N, C-alpha and C. Protein backbone atom coordinates (compact mmCIF):
# COMPACT_ATOMS: atom_id res chain seq x y z
N MET A 1 -13.44 -64.37 -1.59
CA MET A 1 -12.21 -64.72 -2.28
C MET A 1 -11.22 -63.56 -2.10
N PRO A 2 -9.99 -63.88 -1.77
CA PRO A 2 -9.00 -62.81 -1.58
C PRO A 2 -8.62 -62.14 -2.90
N LEU A 3 -8.26 -60.88 -2.80
CA LEU A 3 -7.78 -60.12 -3.95
C LEU A 3 -6.27 -60.01 -3.82
N LEU A 4 -5.55 -60.48 -4.84
CA LEU A 4 -4.09 -60.43 -4.84
C LEU A 4 -3.60 -59.54 -5.97
N HIS A 5 -2.33 -59.18 -5.88
CA HIS A 5 -1.72 -58.35 -6.93
C HIS A 5 -0.41 -59.00 -7.34
N ALA A 6 -0.20 -59.09 -8.64
CA ALA A 6 1.07 -59.59 -9.18
C ALA A 6 1.91 -58.38 -9.53
N GLN A 7 2.94 -58.13 -8.74
CA GLN A 7 3.83 -56.99 -8.96
C GLN A 7 5.07 -57.48 -9.70
N PRO A 8 5.27 -57.06 -10.95
CA PRO A 8 6.42 -57.55 -11.71
C PRO A 8 7.74 -56.99 -11.15
N TYR A 9 8.76 -57.80 -11.25
CA TYR A 9 10.10 -57.32 -10.91
C TYR A 9 10.65 -56.44 -12.03
N ASP A 10 10.09 -56.60 -13.23
CA ASP A 10 10.46 -55.79 -14.39
C ASP A 10 9.82 -54.41 -14.22
N LEU A 11 10.62 -53.37 -14.16
CA LEU A 11 10.11 -52.01 -13.93
C LEU A 11 9.46 -51.39 -15.16
N ASN A 12 9.51 -52.07 -16.28
CA ASN A 12 8.96 -51.54 -17.53
C ASN A 12 7.54 -52.04 -17.81
N VAL A 13 6.85 -52.49 -16.80
CA VAL A 13 5.50 -53.01 -16.99
C VAL A 13 4.70 -52.85 -15.70
N ASN A 14 3.40 -52.73 -15.84
CA ASN A 14 2.52 -52.64 -14.68
C ASN A 14 2.08 -54.02 -14.24
N GLY A 15 1.77 -54.13 -12.98
CA GLY A 15 1.23 -55.38 -12.45
C GLY A 15 -0.27 -55.46 -12.68
N PHE A 16 -0.89 -56.46 -12.07
CA PHE A 16 -2.33 -56.65 -12.24
C PHE A 16 -2.93 -57.31 -11.00
N TYR A 17 -4.22 -57.09 -10.82
CA TYR A 17 -4.97 -57.69 -9.72
C TYR A 17 -5.63 -58.97 -10.21
N PHE A 18 -5.82 -59.92 -9.30
CA PHE A 18 -6.50 -61.16 -9.67
C PHE A 18 -7.11 -61.80 -8.43
N GLU A 19 -8.12 -62.67 -8.67
CA GLU A 19 -8.84 -63.30 -7.56
C GLU A 19 -8.81 -64.83 -7.60
N ASP A 20 -8.28 -65.40 -8.65
CA ASP A 20 -8.17 -66.86 -8.72
C ASP A 20 -7.05 -67.24 -9.68
N LEU A 21 -6.76 -68.52 -9.74
CA LEU A 21 -5.64 -69.00 -10.54
C LEU A 21 -5.86 -68.75 -12.04
N GLU A 22 -7.08 -68.94 -12.51
CA GLU A 22 -7.36 -68.74 -13.93
C GLU A 22 -7.17 -67.28 -14.32
N ASP A 23 -7.63 -66.38 -13.46
CA ASP A 23 -7.49 -64.94 -13.69
C ASP A 23 -6.01 -64.58 -13.74
N TYR A 24 -5.23 -65.13 -12.80
CA TYR A 24 -3.79 -64.87 -12.77
C TYR A 24 -3.13 -65.37 -14.06
N ALA A 25 -3.44 -66.61 -14.44
CA ALA A 25 -2.80 -67.22 -15.61
C ALA A 25 -3.11 -66.44 -16.88
N SER A 26 -4.36 -66.04 -17.05
CA SER A 26 -4.72 -65.32 -18.29
C SER A 26 -4.07 -63.95 -18.35
N LYS A 27 -3.96 -63.28 -17.22
CA LYS A 27 -3.34 -61.95 -17.22
C LYS A 27 -1.81 -62.05 -17.33
N ALA A 28 -1.22 -63.06 -16.70
CA ALA A 28 0.24 -63.20 -16.72
C ALA A 28 0.74 -63.53 -18.12
N VAL A 29 0.02 -64.36 -18.84
CA VAL A 29 0.48 -64.77 -20.17
C VAL A 29 0.42 -63.62 -21.17
N SER A 30 -0.47 -62.66 -20.92
CA SER A 30 -0.59 -61.55 -21.86
C SER A 30 0.11 -60.27 -21.37
N ASN A 31 0.72 -60.31 -20.21
CA ASN A 31 1.37 -59.12 -19.66
C ASN A 31 2.78 -58.99 -20.26
N ARG A 32 2.98 -57.91 -20.98
CA ARG A 32 4.27 -57.70 -21.66
C ARG A 32 4.83 -56.34 -21.27
N ASN A 33 6.15 -56.27 -21.24
CA ASN A 33 6.79 -54.99 -20.92
C ASN A 33 6.80 -54.10 -22.16
N ARG A 34 7.36 -52.92 -22.04
CA ARG A 34 7.32 -51.96 -23.15
C ARG A 34 8.16 -52.41 -24.35
N PHE A 35 8.97 -53.44 -24.17
CA PHE A 35 9.77 -53.96 -25.28
C PHE A 35 9.10 -55.16 -25.95
N GLY A 36 7.91 -55.54 -25.44
CA GLY A 36 7.17 -56.65 -26.01
C GLY A 36 7.51 -58.01 -25.42
N ASP A 37 8.38 -58.02 -24.42
CA ASP A 37 8.76 -59.29 -23.78
C ASP A 37 7.73 -59.70 -22.73
N VAL A 38 7.49 -61.02 -22.63
CA VAL A 38 6.60 -61.54 -21.60
C VAL A 38 7.29 -61.37 -20.24
N VAL A 39 6.52 -60.93 -19.26
CA VAL A 39 7.05 -60.76 -17.91
C VAL A 39 7.14 -62.14 -17.26
N GLU A 40 8.30 -62.45 -16.70
CA GLU A 40 8.52 -63.79 -16.17
C GLU A 40 8.39 -63.90 -14.66
N GLU A 41 8.68 -62.84 -13.93
CA GLU A 41 8.70 -62.95 -12.47
C GLU A 41 7.82 -61.89 -11.82
N TYR A 42 7.06 -62.35 -10.83
CA TYR A 42 6.17 -61.46 -10.08
C TYR A 42 6.34 -61.69 -8.58
N GLU A 43 6.14 -60.64 -7.84
CA GLU A 43 5.95 -60.75 -6.40
C GLU A 43 4.44 -60.76 -6.19
N ILE A 44 3.95 -61.73 -5.44
CA ILE A 44 2.52 -61.83 -5.19
C ILE A 44 2.21 -61.15 -3.86
N GLN A 45 1.28 -60.20 -3.90
CA GLN A 45 0.93 -59.41 -2.72
C GLN A 45 -0.55 -59.58 -2.39
N PHE A 46 -0.83 -59.73 -1.10
CA PHE A 46 -2.21 -59.77 -0.63
C PHE A 46 -2.73 -58.34 -0.56
N ILE A 47 -3.89 -58.09 -1.17
CA ILE A 47 -4.45 -56.74 -1.22
C ILE A 47 -5.68 -56.61 -0.34
N ASP A 48 -6.64 -57.53 -0.49
CA ASP A 48 -7.89 -57.40 0.24
C ASP A 48 -8.50 -58.79 0.45
N GLY A 49 -9.21 -58.92 1.53
CA GLY A 49 -9.88 -60.17 1.85
C GLY A 49 -9.99 -60.32 3.35
N GLU A 50 -10.41 -61.48 3.78
CA GLU A 50 -10.55 -61.75 5.20
C GLU A 50 -9.18 -61.87 5.86
N GLY A 51 -9.13 -61.54 7.14
CA GLY A 51 -7.88 -61.60 7.88
C GLY A 51 -7.26 -62.99 7.90
N ILE A 52 -8.10 -64.01 7.96
CA ILE A 52 -7.60 -65.38 7.99
C ILE A 52 -6.88 -65.72 6.68
N ASP A 53 -7.39 -65.19 5.55
CA ASP A 53 -6.73 -65.44 4.26
C ASP A 53 -5.42 -64.68 4.15
N CYS A 54 -5.35 -63.50 4.76
CA CYS A 54 -4.09 -62.74 4.80
C CYS A 54 -3.04 -63.51 5.59
N ALA A 55 -3.45 -64.05 6.75
CA ALA A 55 -2.52 -64.85 7.56
C ALA A 55 -2.08 -66.10 6.81
N LEU A 56 -3.00 -66.70 6.07
CA LEU A 56 -2.67 -67.89 5.28
C LEU A 56 -1.65 -67.57 4.19
N VAL A 57 -1.81 -66.43 3.52
CA VAL A 57 -0.84 -66.01 2.48
C VAL A 57 0.56 -65.91 3.07
N LYS A 58 0.67 -65.29 4.24
CA LYS A 58 1.99 -65.09 4.86
C LYS A 58 2.65 -66.42 5.19
N VAL A 59 1.89 -67.31 5.82
CA VAL A 59 2.47 -68.59 6.24
C VAL A 59 2.74 -69.47 5.02
N TRP A 60 1.88 -69.41 4.03
CA TRP A 60 2.04 -70.22 2.81
C TRP A 60 3.29 -69.79 2.06
N GLY A 61 3.64 -68.49 2.15
CA GLY A 61 4.75 -67.98 1.38
C GLY A 61 4.40 -67.94 -0.10
N VAL A 62 3.25 -67.40 -0.41
CA VAL A 62 2.71 -67.44 -1.77
C VAL A 62 3.67 -66.81 -2.77
N ASN A 63 3.88 -67.53 -3.86
CA ASN A 63 4.68 -67.05 -4.99
C ASN A 63 4.12 -67.68 -6.26
N GLN A 64 4.73 -67.39 -7.39
CA GLN A 64 4.24 -67.91 -8.66
C GLN A 64 4.18 -69.43 -8.70
N ALA A 65 5.10 -70.08 -8.06
CA ALA A 65 5.20 -71.53 -8.15
C ALA A 65 4.15 -72.25 -7.30
N ASN A 66 3.68 -71.64 -6.21
CA ASN A 66 2.78 -72.36 -5.31
C ASN A 66 1.40 -71.72 -5.18
N ILE A 67 1.09 -70.78 -6.04
CA ILE A 67 -0.17 -70.04 -5.91
C ILE A 67 -1.39 -70.93 -6.15
N GLY A 68 -1.25 -71.94 -6.98
CA GLY A 68 -2.38 -72.85 -7.24
C GLY A 68 -2.81 -73.58 -5.99
N GLY A 69 -1.86 -74.06 -5.23
CA GLY A 69 -2.18 -74.75 -3.98
C GLY A 69 -2.84 -73.82 -2.98
N TYR A 70 -2.39 -72.57 -2.95
CA TYR A 70 -2.99 -71.59 -2.04
C TYR A 70 -4.46 -71.37 -2.37
N PHE A 71 -4.79 -71.16 -3.65
CA PHE A 71 -6.18 -70.95 -4.03
C PHE A 71 -7.03 -72.18 -3.76
N LYS A 72 -6.46 -73.35 -3.96
CA LYS A 72 -7.19 -74.59 -3.66
C LYS A 72 -7.50 -74.67 -2.17
N ALA A 73 -6.53 -74.33 -1.33
CA ALA A 73 -6.74 -74.33 0.12
C ALA A 73 -7.81 -73.31 0.51
N CYS A 74 -7.76 -72.13 -0.09
CA CYS A 74 -8.77 -71.10 0.21
C CYS A 74 -10.17 -71.59 -0.12
N ASP A 75 -10.31 -72.31 -1.21
CA ASP A 75 -11.62 -72.80 -1.63
C ASP A 75 -12.11 -73.97 -0.79
N GLU A 76 -11.20 -74.87 -0.43
CA GLU A 76 -11.61 -76.13 0.21
C GLU A 76 -11.61 -76.10 1.73
N TRP A 77 -10.75 -75.31 2.34
CA TRP A 77 -10.64 -75.33 3.80
C TRP A 77 -11.56 -74.31 4.43
N ASP A 78 -12.16 -74.70 5.56
CA ASP A 78 -12.92 -73.74 6.34
C ASP A 78 -11.94 -72.96 7.24
N ASP A 79 -12.46 -72.02 8.00
CA ASP A 79 -11.58 -71.19 8.84
C ASP A 79 -10.81 -72.02 9.86
N HIS A 80 -11.44 -73.05 10.41
CA HIS A 80 -10.72 -73.91 11.37
C HIS A 80 -9.53 -74.60 10.70
N GLY A 81 -9.75 -75.12 9.51
CA GLY A 81 -8.65 -75.76 8.78
C GLY A 81 -7.52 -74.80 8.48
N LYS A 82 -7.88 -73.57 8.12
CA LYS A 82 -6.86 -72.55 7.86
C LYS A 82 -6.08 -72.25 9.14
N ARG A 83 -6.78 -72.17 10.28
CA ARG A 83 -6.09 -71.93 11.56
C ARG A 83 -5.13 -73.08 11.89
N VAL A 84 -5.57 -74.30 11.66
CA VAL A 84 -4.70 -75.47 11.91
C VAL A 84 -3.43 -75.34 11.08
N PHE A 85 -3.58 -75.03 9.81
CA PHE A 85 -2.41 -74.89 8.93
C PHE A 85 -1.51 -73.75 9.40
N ILE A 86 -2.09 -72.60 9.69
CA ILE A 86 -1.31 -71.43 10.10
C ILE A 86 -0.52 -71.72 11.36
N ILE A 87 -1.14 -72.39 12.31
CA ILE A 87 -0.43 -72.73 13.55
C ILE A 87 0.62 -73.79 13.29
N ALA A 88 0.24 -74.85 12.59
CA ALA A 88 1.17 -75.96 12.36
C ALA A 88 2.42 -75.51 11.60
N VAL A 89 2.24 -74.74 10.54
CA VAL A 89 3.37 -74.32 9.71
C VAL A 89 4.04 -73.07 10.27
N GLY A 90 3.24 -72.07 10.63
CA GLY A 90 3.79 -70.79 11.06
C GLY A 90 4.30 -70.75 12.48
N GLU A 91 3.70 -71.52 13.35
CA GLU A 91 4.09 -71.48 14.77
C GLU A 91 4.93 -72.70 15.17
N VAL A 92 4.46 -73.88 14.77
CA VAL A 92 5.11 -75.12 15.20
C VAL A 92 6.30 -75.49 14.32
N GLY A 93 6.22 -75.15 13.02
CA GLY A 93 7.34 -75.42 12.14
C GLY A 93 7.17 -76.62 11.23
N TYR A 94 5.96 -77.12 11.07
CA TYR A 94 5.73 -78.20 10.13
C TYR A 94 6.13 -77.75 8.72
N GLU A 95 6.56 -78.68 7.91
CA GLU A 95 6.82 -78.40 6.50
C GLU A 95 5.65 -78.94 5.68
N PHE A 96 5.49 -78.45 4.47
CA PHE A 96 4.39 -78.90 3.63
C PHE A 96 4.77 -78.80 2.17
N ASP A 97 4.11 -79.63 1.36
CA ASP A 97 4.25 -79.57 -0.09
C ASP A 97 3.01 -78.85 -0.62
N PRO A 98 3.17 -77.68 -1.23
CA PRO A 98 2.01 -76.90 -1.67
C PRO A 98 1.08 -77.62 -2.64
N GLU A 99 1.59 -78.61 -3.33
CA GLU A 99 0.77 -79.32 -4.31
C GLU A 99 -0.05 -80.44 -3.68
N THR A 100 0.42 -81.02 -2.58
CA THR A 100 -0.26 -82.18 -2.00
C THR A 100 -0.65 -81.97 -0.55
N VAL A 101 -0.62 -80.75 -0.07
CA VAL A 101 -0.89 -80.49 1.35
C VAL A 101 -2.31 -80.92 1.72
N SER A 102 -2.41 -81.52 2.89
CA SER A 102 -3.68 -81.97 3.44
C SER A 102 -3.71 -81.61 4.91
N LEU A 103 -4.86 -81.26 5.41
CA LEU A 103 -4.97 -80.93 6.84
C LEU A 103 -4.70 -82.15 7.71
N ASN A 104 -4.79 -83.34 7.15
CA ASN A 104 -4.47 -84.56 7.90
C ASN A 104 -2.98 -84.66 8.21
N ASP A 105 -2.16 -83.82 7.54
CA ASP A 105 -0.72 -83.82 7.76
C ASP A 105 -0.33 -83.14 9.07
N PHE A 106 -1.27 -82.44 9.70
CA PHE A 106 -0.95 -81.62 10.87
C PHE A 106 -1.78 -82.08 12.07
N ASP A 107 -1.13 -82.14 13.22
CA ASP A 107 -1.80 -82.57 14.44
C ASP A 107 -1.67 -81.46 15.47
N VAL A 108 -2.69 -80.61 15.53
CA VAL A 108 -2.69 -79.47 16.44
C VAL A 108 -4.07 -79.35 17.07
N ASP A 109 -4.12 -79.22 18.39
CA ASP A 109 -5.38 -78.98 19.09
C ASP A 109 -5.52 -77.48 19.31
N ILE A 110 -6.68 -76.92 18.98
CA ILE A 110 -6.91 -75.48 19.10
C ILE A 110 -8.08 -75.23 20.05
N TYR A 111 -7.90 -74.25 20.93
CA TYR A 111 -8.93 -73.85 21.88
C TYR A 111 -9.20 -72.36 21.71
N HIS A 112 -10.46 -72.01 21.61
CA HIS A 112 -10.87 -70.61 21.43
C HIS A 112 -11.09 -69.96 22.80
N THR A 113 -9.99 -69.72 23.46
CA THR A 113 -10.03 -69.06 24.77
C THR A 113 -9.01 -67.94 24.78
N ASP A 114 -9.24 -66.96 25.65
CA ASP A 114 -8.38 -65.78 25.68
C ASP A 114 -7.17 -65.91 26.60
N SER A 115 -7.19 -66.90 27.49
CA SER A 115 -6.08 -67.00 28.44
C SER A 115 -5.93 -68.44 28.93
N MET A 116 -4.77 -68.72 29.49
CA MET A 116 -4.53 -70.04 30.07
C MET A 116 -5.47 -70.28 31.24
N LYS A 117 -5.76 -69.24 32.00
CA LYS A 117 -6.66 -69.39 33.14
C LYS A 117 -8.06 -69.79 32.66
N GLU A 118 -8.51 -69.19 31.58
CA GLU A 118 -9.80 -69.54 31.00
C GLU A 118 -9.80 -71.00 30.52
N LEU A 119 -8.69 -71.43 29.93
CA LEU A 119 -8.57 -72.83 29.50
C LEU A 119 -8.57 -73.76 30.71
N ALA A 120 -7.89 -73.37 31.78
CA ALA A 120 -7.88 -74.17 33.00
C ALA A 120 -9.30 -74.33 33.54
N GLN A 121 -10.05 -73.24 33.56
CA GLN A 121 -11.44 -73.30 34.04
C GLN A 121 -12.28 -74.20 33.15
N LYS A 122 -12.06 -74.13 31.86
CA LYS A 122 -12.79 -74.97 30.91
C LYS A 122 -12.50 -76.45 31.18
N PHE A 123 -11.23 -76.79 31.39
CA PHE A 123 -10.87 -78.18 31.66
C PHE A 123 -11.48 -78.67 32.96
N VAL A 124 -11.50 -77.82 33.98
CA VAL A 124 -12.11 -78.20 35.26
C VAL A 124 -13.61 -78.41 35.06
N ASP A 125 -14.26 -77.49 34.37
CA ASP A 125 -15.70 -77.59 34.13
C ASP A 125 -16.06 -78.84 33.33
N GLU A 126 -15.19 -79.24 32.41
CA GLU A 126 -15.46 -80.41 31.58
C GLU A 126 -15.11 -81.72 32.29
N GLY A 127 -14.59 -81.64 33.50
CA GLY A 127 -14.31 -82.84 34.28
C GLY A 127 -12.97 -83.47 33.99
N LEU A 128 -12.04 -82.73 33.39
CA LEU A 128 -10.73 -83.29 33.07
C LEU A 128 -9.98 -83.74 34.32
N PHE A 129 -10.26 -83.11 35.44
CA PHE A 129 -9.60 -83.45 36.70
C PHE A 129 -10.49 -84.32 37.58
N GLY A 130 -11.52 -84.89 36.98
CA GLY A 130 -12.44 -85.75 37.71
C GLY A 130 -13.55 -84.92 38.35
N ASP A 131 -14.39 -85.63 39.09
CA ASP A 131 -15.49 -84.95 39.80
C ASP A 131 -14.93 -84.26 41.03
N ILE A 132 -15.22 -82.98 41.12
CA ILE A 132 -14.75 -82.19 42.25
C ILE A 132 -15.97 -81.84 43.10
N PRO A 133 -15.98 -82.25 44.35
CA PRO A 133 -17.12 -81.92 45.21
C PRO A 133 -17.32 -80.41 45.31
N ALA A 134 -18.56 -79.99 45.39
CA ALA A 134 -18.90 -78.57 45.41
C ALA A 134 -18.21 -77.83 46.55
N HIS A 135 -18.07 -78.48 47.71
CA HIS A 135 -17.48 -77.79 48.86
C HIS A 135 -15.96 -77.60 48.71
N LEU A 136 -15.34 -78.24 47.70
CA LEU A 136 -13.90 -78.08 47.47
C LEU A 136 -13.58 -77.20 46.26
N GLU A 137 -14.59 -76.87 45.46
CA GLU A 137 -14.36 -76.11 44.23
C GLU A 137 -13.64 -74.79 44.47
N ARG A 138 -13.98 -74.11 45.57
CA ARG A 138 -13.38 -72.79 45.82
C ARG A 138 -11.90 -72.87 46.19
N TYR A 139 -11.41 -74.08 46.48
CA TYR A 139 -10.01 -74.24 46.85
C TYR A 139 -9.10 -74.56 45.65
N ILE A 140 -9.69 -74.70 44.49
CA ILE A 140 -8.90 -75.02 43.29
C ILE A 140 -8.20 -73.75 42.84
N ASP A 141 -6.90 -73.86 42.64
CA ASP A 141 -6.09 -72.72 42.23
C ASP A 141 -5.96 -72.71 40.70
N MET A 142 -6.84 -71.93 40.06
CA MET A 142 -6.84 -71.86 38.59
C MET A 142 -5.55 -71.26 38.05
N ASP A 143 -4.94 -70.35 38.80
CA ASP A 143 -3.68 -69.76 38.36
C ASP A 143 -2.58 -70.82 38.31
N ALA A 144 -2.56 -71.72 39.28
CA ALA A 144 -1.55 -72.79 39.29
C ALA A 144 -1.79 -73.75 38.13
N ILE A 145 -3.05 -74.10 37.88
CA ILE A 145 -3.36 -74.98 36.75
C ILE A 145 -2.96 -74.31 35.44
N ALA A 146 -3.25 -73.00 35.33
CA ALA A 146 -2.89 -72.26 34.12
C ALA A 146 -1.38 -72.26 33.91
N ARG A 147 -0.61 -72.08 34.98
CA ARG A 147 0.85 -72.13 34.86
C ARG A 147 1.31 -73.50 34.38
N ASP A 148 0.70 -74.56 34.92
CA ASP A 148 1.06 -75.91 34.49
C ASP A 148 0.70 -76.13 33.02
N LEU A 149 -0.45 -75.62 32.60
CA LEU A 149 -0.87 -75.78 31.20
C LEU A 149 0.10 -75.08 30.25
N SER A 150 0.69 -73.99 30.71
CA SER A 150 1.58 -73.21 29.83
C SER A 150 2.85 -73.97 29.44
N PHE A 151 3.10 -75.12 30.07
CA PHE A 151 4.24 -75.94 29.67
C PHE A 151 3.94 -76.72 28.39
N ASP A 152 2.67 -77.05 28.16
CA ASP A 152 2.28 -77.86 27.00
C ASP A 152 1.44 -77.10 25.98
N TYR A 153 0.88 -75.98 26.39
CA TYR A 153 -0.01 -75.20 25.52
C TYR A 153 0.62 -73.83 25.27
N LEU A 154 0.36 -73.30 24.07
CA LEU A 154 0.91 -72.00 23.67
C LEU A 154 -0.21 -71.08 23.21
N GLU A 155 0.06 -69.79 23.25
CA GLU A 155 -0.93 -68.79 22.84
C GLU A 155 -0.49 -68.11 21.55
N THR A 156 -1.47 -67.73 20.74
CA THR A 156 -1.19 -67.00 19.50
C THR A 156 -2.38 -66.15 19.12
N ASP A 157 -2.15 -65.21 18.21
CA ASP A 157 -3.22 -64.40 17.62
C ASP A 157 -3.22 -64.67 16.12
N ILE A 158 -4.40 -64.99 15.60
CA ILE A 158 -4.56 -65.18 14.17
C ILE A 158 -5.74 -64.35 13.72
N ALA A 159 -5.47 -63.41 12.84
CA ALA A 159 -6.51 -62.54 12.28
C ALA A 159 -7.33 -61.88 13.39
N GLY A 160 -6.64 -61.44 14.44
CA GLY A 160 -7.31 -60.74 15.53
C GLY A 160 -8.01 -61.63 16.54
N GLU A 161 -7.87 -62.92 16.41
CA GLU A 161 -8.51 -63.86 17.32
C GLU A 161 -7.45 -64.52 18.20
N ARG A 162 -7.66 -64.49 19.49
CA ARG A 162 -6.74 -65.09 20.46
C ARG A 162 -7.04 -66.59 20.55
N LEU A 163 -6.03 -67.42 20.38
CA LEU A 163 -6.18 -68.88 20.42
C LEU A 163 -5.11 -69.48 21.30
N ILE A 164 -5.43 -70.60 21.89
CA ILE A 164 -4.46 -71.41 22.61
C ILE A 164 -4.39 -72.75 21.88
N TYR A 165 -3.17 -73.24 21.69
CA TYR A 165 -3.03 -74.50 20.95
C TYR A 165 -2.02 -75.40 21.62
N ARG A 166 -2.12 -76.67 21.25
CA ARG A 166 -1.18 -77.67 21.73
C ARG A 166 -0.73 -78.50 20.53
N PRO A 167 0.55 -78.40 20.18
CA PRO A 167 1.04 -79.26 19.11
C PRO A 167 1.18 -80.69 19.62
N ALA A 168 0.84 -81.64 18.77
CA ALA A 168 0.92 -83.04 19.21
C ALA A 168 2.30 -83.61 18.95
């Protein structure tokens, strides 16, 4: 579970760390400034956790109003689902409603390869270009296929992992 920090905009009070929505809510309701007023606004900061959750916080644009949806996504989505969301929203530009977001809302194909040339080789090996006789395999120009793939496929780094994706 990621560790977040609620940093108040009010300079007369300290912020607090939290790991889930309930922890945030209980600390926020009792956090008062030196004049006894309840603190109303916080900046939410990612402090510690897995790199994929840090990337998710950035793309989600976590704030007080949408933090519940973020924690729900952290609990329910696996790393692949988080990558789909990060690419769809952060790279492709999909919009989402933090309260009703579903991974079914995004159509992105992800490949765990380091380069377009590696993806080209994978497609050839999987038979995407049909059966290629063994005596002709050495004549296939993987660099040319990789250049062609780069028109429809894009590269990105998420939490230190190199990915190639294709938005649908």
